[in-house]
Amino acid sequence: MMMSPLWLRILVIWFVIFPAVALGQAVLGWLADDWPLLLRAAVLTAVVVPFAVAVGVPTLLRVVARLRTGQAPA
């Protein structure tokens, strides 16, 4: 598989990370409002980074690759 240009990979990563962090902040704000900031940041990072690296970014990169080659996403 041909590697996507850097600008496209950056955009894909941003499209995965931003919604995951926003959703995580909303959930943690509701569940852990009284936690210290660093603890909330550590928990959010511990959830978002593995999800993004293992699921989110690879999935979106596959979709982008199919769109770039003219195939319909499965």
PDB file of N, CA and C in Angstrom:
ATOM      1  N   MET A   1       0.839  -1.172   0.000  1.00  0.00           N
ATOM      2  CA  MET A   1       0.000   0.000   0.000  1.00  0.00           C
ATOM      3  C   MET A   1       0.888   1.241   0.000  1.00  0.00           C
ATOM      4  N   MET A   2       0.544   2.199  -0.862  1.00  0.00           N
ATOM      5  CA  MET A   2       1.309   3.433  -0.959  1.00  0.00           C
ATOM      6  C   MET A   2       1.004   4.342   0.239  1.00  0.00           C
ATOM      7  N   MET A   3       2.029   4.962   0.792  1.00  0.00           N
ATOM      8  CA  MET A   3       1.836   5.834   1.949  1.00  0.00           C
ATOM      9  C   MET A   3       1.194   7.148   1.514  1.00  0.00           C
ATOM     10  N   SER A   4       0.242   7.616   2.293  1.00  0.00           N
ATOM     11  CA  SER A   4      -0.418   8.894   2.028  1.00  0.00           C
ATOM     12  C   SER A   4       0.551  10.043   2.294  1.00  0.00           C
ATOM     13  N   PRO A   5       0.315  11.192   1.661  1.00  0.00           N
ATOM     14  CA  PRO A   5       1.168  12.350   1.938  1.00  0.00           C
ATOM     15  C   PRO A   5       1.065  12.770   3.410  1.00  0.00           C
ATOM     16  N   LEU A   6       2.094  13.425   3.885  1.00  0.00           N
ATOM     17  CA  LEU A   6       2.154  13.829   5.288  1.00  0.00           C
ATOM     18  C   LEU A   6       0.957  14.688   5.685  1.00  0.00           C
ATOM     19  N   TRP A   7       0.588  15.653   4.852  1.00  0.00           N
ATOM     20  CA  TRP A   7      -0.525  16.538   5.199  1.00  0.00           C
ATOM     21  C   TRP A   7      -1.814  15.753   5.379  1.00  0.00           C
ATOM     22  N   LEU A   8      -1.994  14.695   4.593  1.00  0.00           N
ATOM     23  CA  LEU A   8      -3.206  13.888   4.686  1.00  0.00           C
ATOM     24  C   LEU A   8      -3.195  13.031   5.951  1.00  0.00           C
ATOM     25  N   ARG A   9      -2.038  12.482   6.299  1.00  0.00           N
ATOM     26  CA  ARG A   9      -1.939  11.708   7.542  1.00  0.00           C
ATOM     27  C   ARG A   9      -2.179  12.596   8.759  1.00  0.00           C
ATOM     28  N   ILE A  10      -1.655  13.823   8.719  1.00  0.00           N
ATOM     29  CA  ILE A  10      -1.888  14.766   9.819  1.00  0.00           C
ATOM     30  C   ILE A  10      -3.377  15.062   9.951  1.00  0.00           C
ATOM     31  N   LEU A  11      -4.035  15.292   8.842  1.00  0.00           N
ATOM     32  CA  LEU A  11      -5.471  15.571   8.851  1.00  0.00           C
ATOM     33  C   LEU A  11      -6.270  14.388   9.389  1.00  0.00           C
ATOM     34  N   VAL A  12      -5.918  13.183   8.964  1.00  0.00           N
ATOM     35  CA  VAL A  12      -6.600  11.978   9.446  1.00  0.00           C
ATOM     36  C   VAL A  12      -6.422  11.834  10.957  1.00  0.00           C
ATOM     37  N   ILE A  13      -5.205  12.016  11.431  1.00  0.00           N
ATOM     38  CA  ILE A  13      -4.953  11.911  12.873  1.00  0.00           C
ATOM     39  C   ILE A  13      -5.774  12.947  13.625  1.00  0.00           C
ATOM     40  N   TRP A  14      -5.826  14.153  13.121  1.00  0.00           N
ATOM     41  CA  TRP A  14      -6.598  15.205  13.775  1.00  0.00           C
ATOM     42  C   TRP A  14      -8.083  14.848  13.807  1.00  0.00           C
ATOM     43  N   PHE A  15      -8.604  14.297  12.708  1.00  0.00           N
ATOM     44  CA  PHE A  15     -10.016  13.918  12.651  1.00  0.00           C
ATOM     45  C   PHE A  15     -10.348  12.758  13.586  1.00  0.00           C
ATOM     46  N   VAL A  16      -9.372  11.998  14.000  1.00  0.00           N
ATOM     47  CA  VAL A  16      -9.599  10.931  14.986  1.00  0.00           C
ATOM     48  C   VAL A  16      -9.416  11.470  16.404  1.00  0.00           C
ATOM     49  N   ILE A  17      -8.330  12.178  16.633  1.00  0.00           N
ATOM     50  CA  ILE A  17      -7.991  12.629  17.987  1.00  0.00           C
ATOM     51  C   ILE A  17      -8.980  13.666  18.512  1.00  0.00           C
ATOM     52  N   PHE A  18      -9.309  14.668  17.716  1.00  0.00           N
ATOM     53  CA  PHE A  18     -10.155  15.757  18.214  1.00  0.00           C
ATOM     54  C   PHE A  18     -11.509  15.272  18.730  1.00  0.00           C
ATOM     55  N   PRO A  19     -12.280  14.503  17.956  1.00  0.00           N
ATOM     56  CA  PRO A  19     -13.567  14.048  18.496  1.00  0.00           C
ATOM     57  C   PRO A  19     -13.409  13.106  19.689  1.00  0.00           C
ATOM     58  N   ALA A  20     -12.368  12.282  19.671  1.00  0.00           N
ATOM     59  CA  ALA A  20     -12.157  11.367  20.799  1.00  0.00           C
ATOM     60  C   ALA A  20     -11.845  12.142  22.077  1.00  0.00           C
ATOM     61  N   VAL A  21     -11.023  13.175  21.966  1.00  0.00           N
ATOM     62  CA  VAL A  21     -10.699  13.996  23.137  1.00  0.00           C
ATOM     63  C   VAL A  21     -11.930  14.781  23.591  1.00  0.00           C
ATOM     64  N   ALA A  22     -12.674  15.349  22.655  1.00  0.00           N
ATOM     65  CA  ALA A  22     -13.871  16.114  23.016  1.00  0.00           C
ATOM     66  C   ALA A  22     -14.891  15.229  23.725  1.00  0.00           C
ATOM     67  N   LEU A  23     -15.117  14.041  23.186  1.00  0.00           N
ATOM     68  CA  LEU A  23     -16.048  13.107  23.825  1.00  0.00           C
ATOM     69  C   LEU A  23     -15.521  12.662  25.184  1.00  0.00           C
ATOM     70  N   GLY A  24     -14.240  12.365  25.247  1.00  0.00           N
ATOM     71  CA  GLY A  24     -13.631  11.956  26.508  1.00  0.00           C
ATOM     72  C   GLY A  24     -13.722  13.035  27.572  1.00  0.00           C
ATOM     73  N   GLN A  25     -13.516  14.288  27.179  1.00  0.00           N
ATOM     74  CA  GLN A  25     -13.636  15.386  28.135  1.00  0.00           C
ATOM     75  C   GLN A  25     -15.065  15.521  28.638  1.00  0.00           C
ATOM     76  N   ALA A  26     -16.025  15.352  27.750  1.00  0.00           N
ATOM     77  CA  ALA A  26     -17.424  15.449  28.158  1.00  0.00           C
ATOM     78  C   ALA A  26     -17.767  14.351  29.158  1.00  0.00           C
ATOM     79  N   VAL A  27     -17.327  13.128  28.865  1.00  0.00           N
ATOM     80  CA  VAL A  27     -17.623  12.004  29.761  1.00  0.00           C
ATOM     81  C   VAL A  27     -16.878  12.162  31.083  1.00  0.00           C
ATOM     82  N   LEU A  28     -15.592  12.490  31.011  1.00  0.00           N
ATOM     83  CA  LEU A  28     -14.820  12.647  32.247  1.00  0.00           C
ATOM     84  C   LEU A  28     -15.295  13.839  33.068  1.00  0.00           C
ATOM     85  N   GLY A  29     -15.719  14.897  32.401  1.00  0.00           N
ATOM     86  CA  GLY A  29     -16.242  16.039  33.126  1.00  0.00           C
ATOM     87  C   GLY A  29     -17.473  15.666  33.923  1.00  0.00           C
ATOM     88  N   TRP A  30     -18.234  14.755  33.374  1.00  0.00           N
ATOM     89  CA  TRP A  30     -19.452  14.293  34.036  1.00  0.00           C
ATOM     90  C   TRP A  30     -19.131  13.297  35.148  1.00  0.00           C
ATOM     91  N   LEU A  31     -18.194  12.396  34.896  1.00  0.00           N
ATOM     92  CA  LEU A  31     -17.873  11.339  35.864  1.00  0.00           C
ATOM     93  C   LEU A  31     -16.837  11.753  36.906  1.00  0.00           C
ATOM     94  N   ALA A  32     -15.887  12.574  36.508  1.00  0.00           N
ATOM     95  CA  ALA A  32     -14.732  12.843  37.373  1.00  0.00           C
ATOM     96  C   ALA A  32     -14.509  14.336  37.567  1.00  0.00           C
ATOM     97  N   ASP A  33     -15.582  15.049  37.798  1.00  0.00           N
ATOM     98  CA  ASP A  33     -15.501  16.502  37.925  1.00  0.00           C
ATOM     99  C   ASP A  33     -14.594  16.943  39.074  1.00  0.00           C
ATOM    100  N   ASP A  34     -14.541  16.153  40.132  1.00  0.00           N
ATOM    101  CA  ASP A  34     -13.754  16.541  41.305  1.00  0.00           C
ATOM    102  C   ASP A  34     -12.332  15.968  41.298  1.00  0.00           C
ATOM    103  N   TRP A  35     -11.942  15.268  40.233  1.00  0.00           N
ATOM    104  CA  TRP A  35     -10.587  14.731  40.134  1.00  0.00           C
ATOM    105  C   TRP A  35      -9.609  15.862  39.840  1.00  0.00           C
ATOM    106  N   PRO A  36      -8.361  15.714  40.274  1.00  0.00           N
ATOM    107  CA  PRO A  36      -7.331  16.693  39.894  1.00  0.00           C
ATOM    108  C   PRO A  36      -7.104  16.681  38.374  1.00  0.00           C
ATOM    109  N   LEU A  37      -6.724  17.827  37.848  1.00  0.00           N
ATOM    110  CA  LEU A  37      -6.532  17.986  36.404  1.00  0.00           C
ATOM    111  C   LEU A  37      -5.575  16.953  35.820  1.00  0.00           C
ATOM    112  N   LEU A  38      -4.442  16.718  36.473  1.00  0.00           N
ATOM    113  CA  LEU A  38      -3.459  15.771  35.932  1.00  0.00           C
ATOM    114  C   LEU A  38      -4.001  14.350  35.901  1.00  0.00           C
ATOM    115  N   LEU A  39      -4.800  13.969  36.875  1.00  0.00           N
ATOM    116  CA  LEU A  39      -5.401  12.638  36.871  1.00  0.00           C
ATOM    117  C   LEU A  39      -6.399  12.509  35.723  1.00  0.00           C
ATOM    118  N   ARG A  40      -7.235  13.526  35.520  1.00  0.00           N
ATOM    119  CA  ARG A  40      -8.183  13.495  34.392  1.00  0.00           C
ATOM    120  C   ARG A  40      -7.438  13.426  33.065  1.00  0.00           C
ATOM    121  N   ALA A  41      -6.361  14.204  32.936  1.00  0.00           N
ATOM    122  CA  ALA A  41      -5.573  14.189  31.699  1.00  0.00           C
ATOM    123  C   ALA A  41      -4.929  12.825  31.473  1.00  0.00           C
ATOM    124  N   ALA A  42      -4.427  12.214  32.540  1.00  0.00           N
ATOM    125  CA  ALA A  42      -3.794  10.892  32.416  1.00  0.00           C
ATOM    126  C   ALA A  42      -4.808   9.831  32.007  1.00  0.00           C
ATOM    127  N   VAL A  43      -5.988   9.856  32.612  1.00  0.00           N
ATOM    128  CA  VAL A  43      -7.023   8.870  32.269  1.00  0.00           C
ATOM    129  C   VAL A  43      -7.491   9.079  30.833  1.00  0.00           C
ATOM    130  N   LEU A  44      -7.723  10.324  30.455  1.00  0.00           N
ATOM    131  CA  LEU A  44      -8.156  10.615  29.091  1.00  0.00           C
ATOM    132  C   LEU A  44      -7.112  10.156  28.076  1.00  0.00           C
ATOM    133  N   THR A  45      -5.847  10.431  28.344  1.00  0.00           N
ATOM    134  CA  THR A  45      -4.767  10.008  27.459  1.00  0.00           C
ATOM    135  C   THR A  45      -4.664   8.492  27.388  1.00  0.00           C
ATOM    136  N   ALA A  46      -4.846   7.831  28.524  1.00  0.00           N
ATOM    137  CA  ALA A  46      -4.763   6.366  28.568  1.00  0.00           C
ATOM    138  C   ALA A  46      -5.864   5.706  27.749  1.00  0.00           C
ATOM    139  N   VAL A  47      -6.962   6.399  27.540  1.00  0.00           N
ATOM    140  CA  VAL A  47      -8.062   5.845  26.740  1.00  0.00           C
ATOM    141  C   VAL A  47      -7.946   6.267  25.278  1.00  0.00           C
ATOM    142  N   VAL A  48      -7.709   7.545  25.035  1.00  0.00           N
ATOM    143  CA  VAL A  48      -7.743   8.078  23.672  1.00  0.00           C
ATOM    144  C   VAL A  48      -6.573   7.582  22.822  1.00  0.00           C
ATOM    145  N   VAL A  49      -5.367   7.583  23.354  1.00  0.00           N
ATOM    146  CA  VAL A  49      -4.194   7.221  22.542  1.00  0.00           C
ATOM    147  C   VAL A  49      -4.255   5.775  22.037  1.00  0.00           C
ATOM    148  N   PRO A  50      -4.506   4.781  22.900  1.00  0.00           N
ATOM    149  CA  PRO A  50      -4.603   3.417  22.367  1.00  0.00           C
ATOM    150  C   PRO A  50      -5.736   3.249  21.351  1.00  0.00           C
ATOM    151  N   PHE A  51      -6.884   3.877  21.619  1.00  0.00           N
ATOM    152  CA  PHE A  51      -7.992   3.808  20.656  1.00  0.00           C
ATOM    153  C   PHE A  51      -7.572   4.399  19.315  1.00  0.00           C
ATOM    154  N   ALA A  52      -6.964   5.574  19.346  1.00  0.00           N
ATOM    155  CA  ALA A  52      -6.576   6.242  18.108  1.00  0.00           C
ATOM    156  C   ALA A  52      -5.534   5.441  17.334  1.00  0.00           C
ATOM    157  N   VAL A  53      -4.534   4.920  18.041  1.00  0.00           N
ATOM    158  CA  VAL A  53      -3.439   4.200  17.385  1.00  0.00           C
ATOM    159  C   VAL A  53      -3.889   2.837  16.861  1.00  0.00           C
ATOM    160  N   ALA A  54      -4.705   2.134  17.619  1.00  0.00           N
ATOM    161  CA  ALA A  54      -5.077   0.766  17.252  1.00  0.00           C
ATOM    162  C   ALA A  54      -6.304   0.688  16.356  1.00  0.00           C
ATOM    163  N   VAL A  55      -7.230   1.630  16.492  1.00  0.00           N
ATOM    164  CA  VAL A  55      -8.503   1.516  15.776  1.00  0.00           C
ATOM    165  C   VAL A  55      -8.770   2.722  14.872  1.00  0.00           C
ATOM    166  N   GLY A  56      -8.820   3.896  15.459  1.00  0.00           N
ATOM    167  CA  GLY A  56      -9.285   5.077  14.744  1.00  0.00           C
ATOM    168  C   GLY A  56      -8.467   5.463  13.529  1.00  0.00           C
ATOM    169  N   VAL A  57      -7.181   5.683  13.714  1.00  0.00           N
ATOM    170  CA  VAL A  57      -6.330   6.137  12.608  1.00  0.00           C
ATOM    171  C   VAL A  57      -6.202   5.074  11.513  1.00  0.00           C
ATOM    172  N   PRO A  58      -5.926   3.800  11.834  1.00  0.00           N
ATOM    173  CA  PRO A  58      -5.845   2.808  10.757  1.00  0.00           C
ATOM    174  C   PRO A  58      -7.142   2.679   9.949  1.00  0.00           C
ATOM    175  N   THR A  59      -8.282   2.745  10.639  1.00  0.00           N
ATOM    176  CA  THR A  59      -9.561   2.638   9.938  1.00  0.00           C
ATOM    177  C   THR A  59      -9.760   3.811   8.991  1.00  0.00           C
ATOM    178  N   LEU A  60      -9.531   5.011   9.482  1.00  0.00           N
ATOM    179  CA  LEU A  60      -9.729   6.185   8.635  1.00  0.00           C
ATOM    180  C   LEU A  60      -8.704   6.240   7.505  1.00  0.00           C
ATOM    181  N   LEU A  61      -7.482   5.791   7.742  1.00  0.00           N
ATOM    182  CA  LEU A  61      -6.487   5.741   6.660  1.00  0.00           C
ATOM    183  C   LEU A  61      -6.899   4.758   5.568  1.00  0.00           C
ATOM    184  N   ARG A  62      -7.496   3.624   5.950  1.00  0.00           N
ATOM    185  CA  ARG A  62      -7.997   2.677   4.939  1.00  0.00           C
ATOM    186  C   ARG A  62      -9.112   3.304   4.108  1.00  0.00           C
ATOM    187  N   VAL A  63     -10.017   4.016   4.756  1.00  0.00           N
ATOM    188  CA  VAL A  63     -11.106   4.683   4.035  1.00  0.00           C
ATOM    189  C   VAL A  63     -10.540   5.719   3.070  1.00  0.00           C
ATOM    190  N   VAL A  64      -9.600   6.514   3.524  1.00  0.00           N
ATOM    191  CA  VAL A  64      -8.988   7.538   2.673  1.00  0.00           C
ATOM    192  C   VAL A  64      -8.254   6.888   1.500  1.00  0.00           C
ATOM    193  N   ALA A  65      -7.543   5.799   1.745  1.00  0.00           N
ATOM    194  CA  ALA A  65      -6.822   5.113   0.665  1.00  0.00           C
ATOM    195  C   ALA A  65      -7.790   4.597  -0.394  1.00  0.00           C
ATOM    196  N   ARG A  66      -8.902   4.050   0.045  1.00  0.00           N
ATOM    197  CA  ARG A  66      -9.902   3.566  -0.925  1.00  0.00           C
ATOM    198  C   ARG A  66     -10.506   4.716  -1.709  1.00  0.00           C
ATOM    199  N   LEU A  67     -10.769   5.818  -1.051  1.00  0.00           N
ATOM    200  CA  LEU A  67     -11.318   6.977  -1.754  1.00  0.00           C
ATOM    201  C   LEU A  67     -10.317   7.531  -2.762  1.00  0.00           C
ATOM    202  N   ARG A  68      -9.036   7.507  -2.407  1.00  0.00           N
ATOM    203  CA  ARG A  68      -8.009   8.027  -3.313  1.00  0.00           C
ATOM    204  C   ARG A  68      -7.802   7.126  -4.521  1.00  0.00           C
ATOM    205  N   THR A  69      -8.068   5.831  -4.388  1.00  0.00           N
ATOM    206  CA  THR A  69      -7.899   4.914  -5.519  1.00  0.00           C
ATOM    207  C   THR A  69      -9.189   4.741  -6.308  1.00  0.00           C
ATOM    208  N   GLY A  70     -10.254   5.402  -5.860  1.00  0.00           N
ATOM    209  CA  GLY A  70     -11.513   5.337  -6.590  1.00  0.00           C
ATOM    210  C   GLY A  70     -12.410   4.187  -6.209  1.00  0.00           C
ATOM    211  N   GLN A  71     -12.057   3.432  -5.188  1.00  0.00           N
ATOM    212  CA  GLN A  71     -12.911   2.336  -4.730  1.00  0.00           C
ATOM    213  C   GLN A  71     -13.878   2.863  -3.684  1.00  0.00           C
ATOM    214  N   ALA A  72     -15.059   2.283  -3.645  1.00  0.00           N
ATOM    215  CA  ALA A  72     -16.030   2.654  -2.610  1.00  0.00           C
ATOM    216  C   ALA A  72     -15.593   2.052  -1.288  1.00  0.00           C
ATOM    217  N   PRO A  73     -15.701   2.815  -0.192  1.00  0.00           N
ATOM    218  CA  PRO A  73     -15.345   2.247   1.120  1.00  0.00           C
ATOM    219  C   PRO A  73     -16.260   1.097   1.495  1.00  0.00           C
ATOM    220  N   ALA A  74     -15.670   0.051   2.069  1.00  0.00           N
ATOM    221  CA  ALA A  74     -16.476  -1.122   2.452  1.00  0.00           C
ATOM    222  C   ALA A  74     -17.072  -0.941   3.824  1.00  0.00           C
TER     223      ALA A  74
END
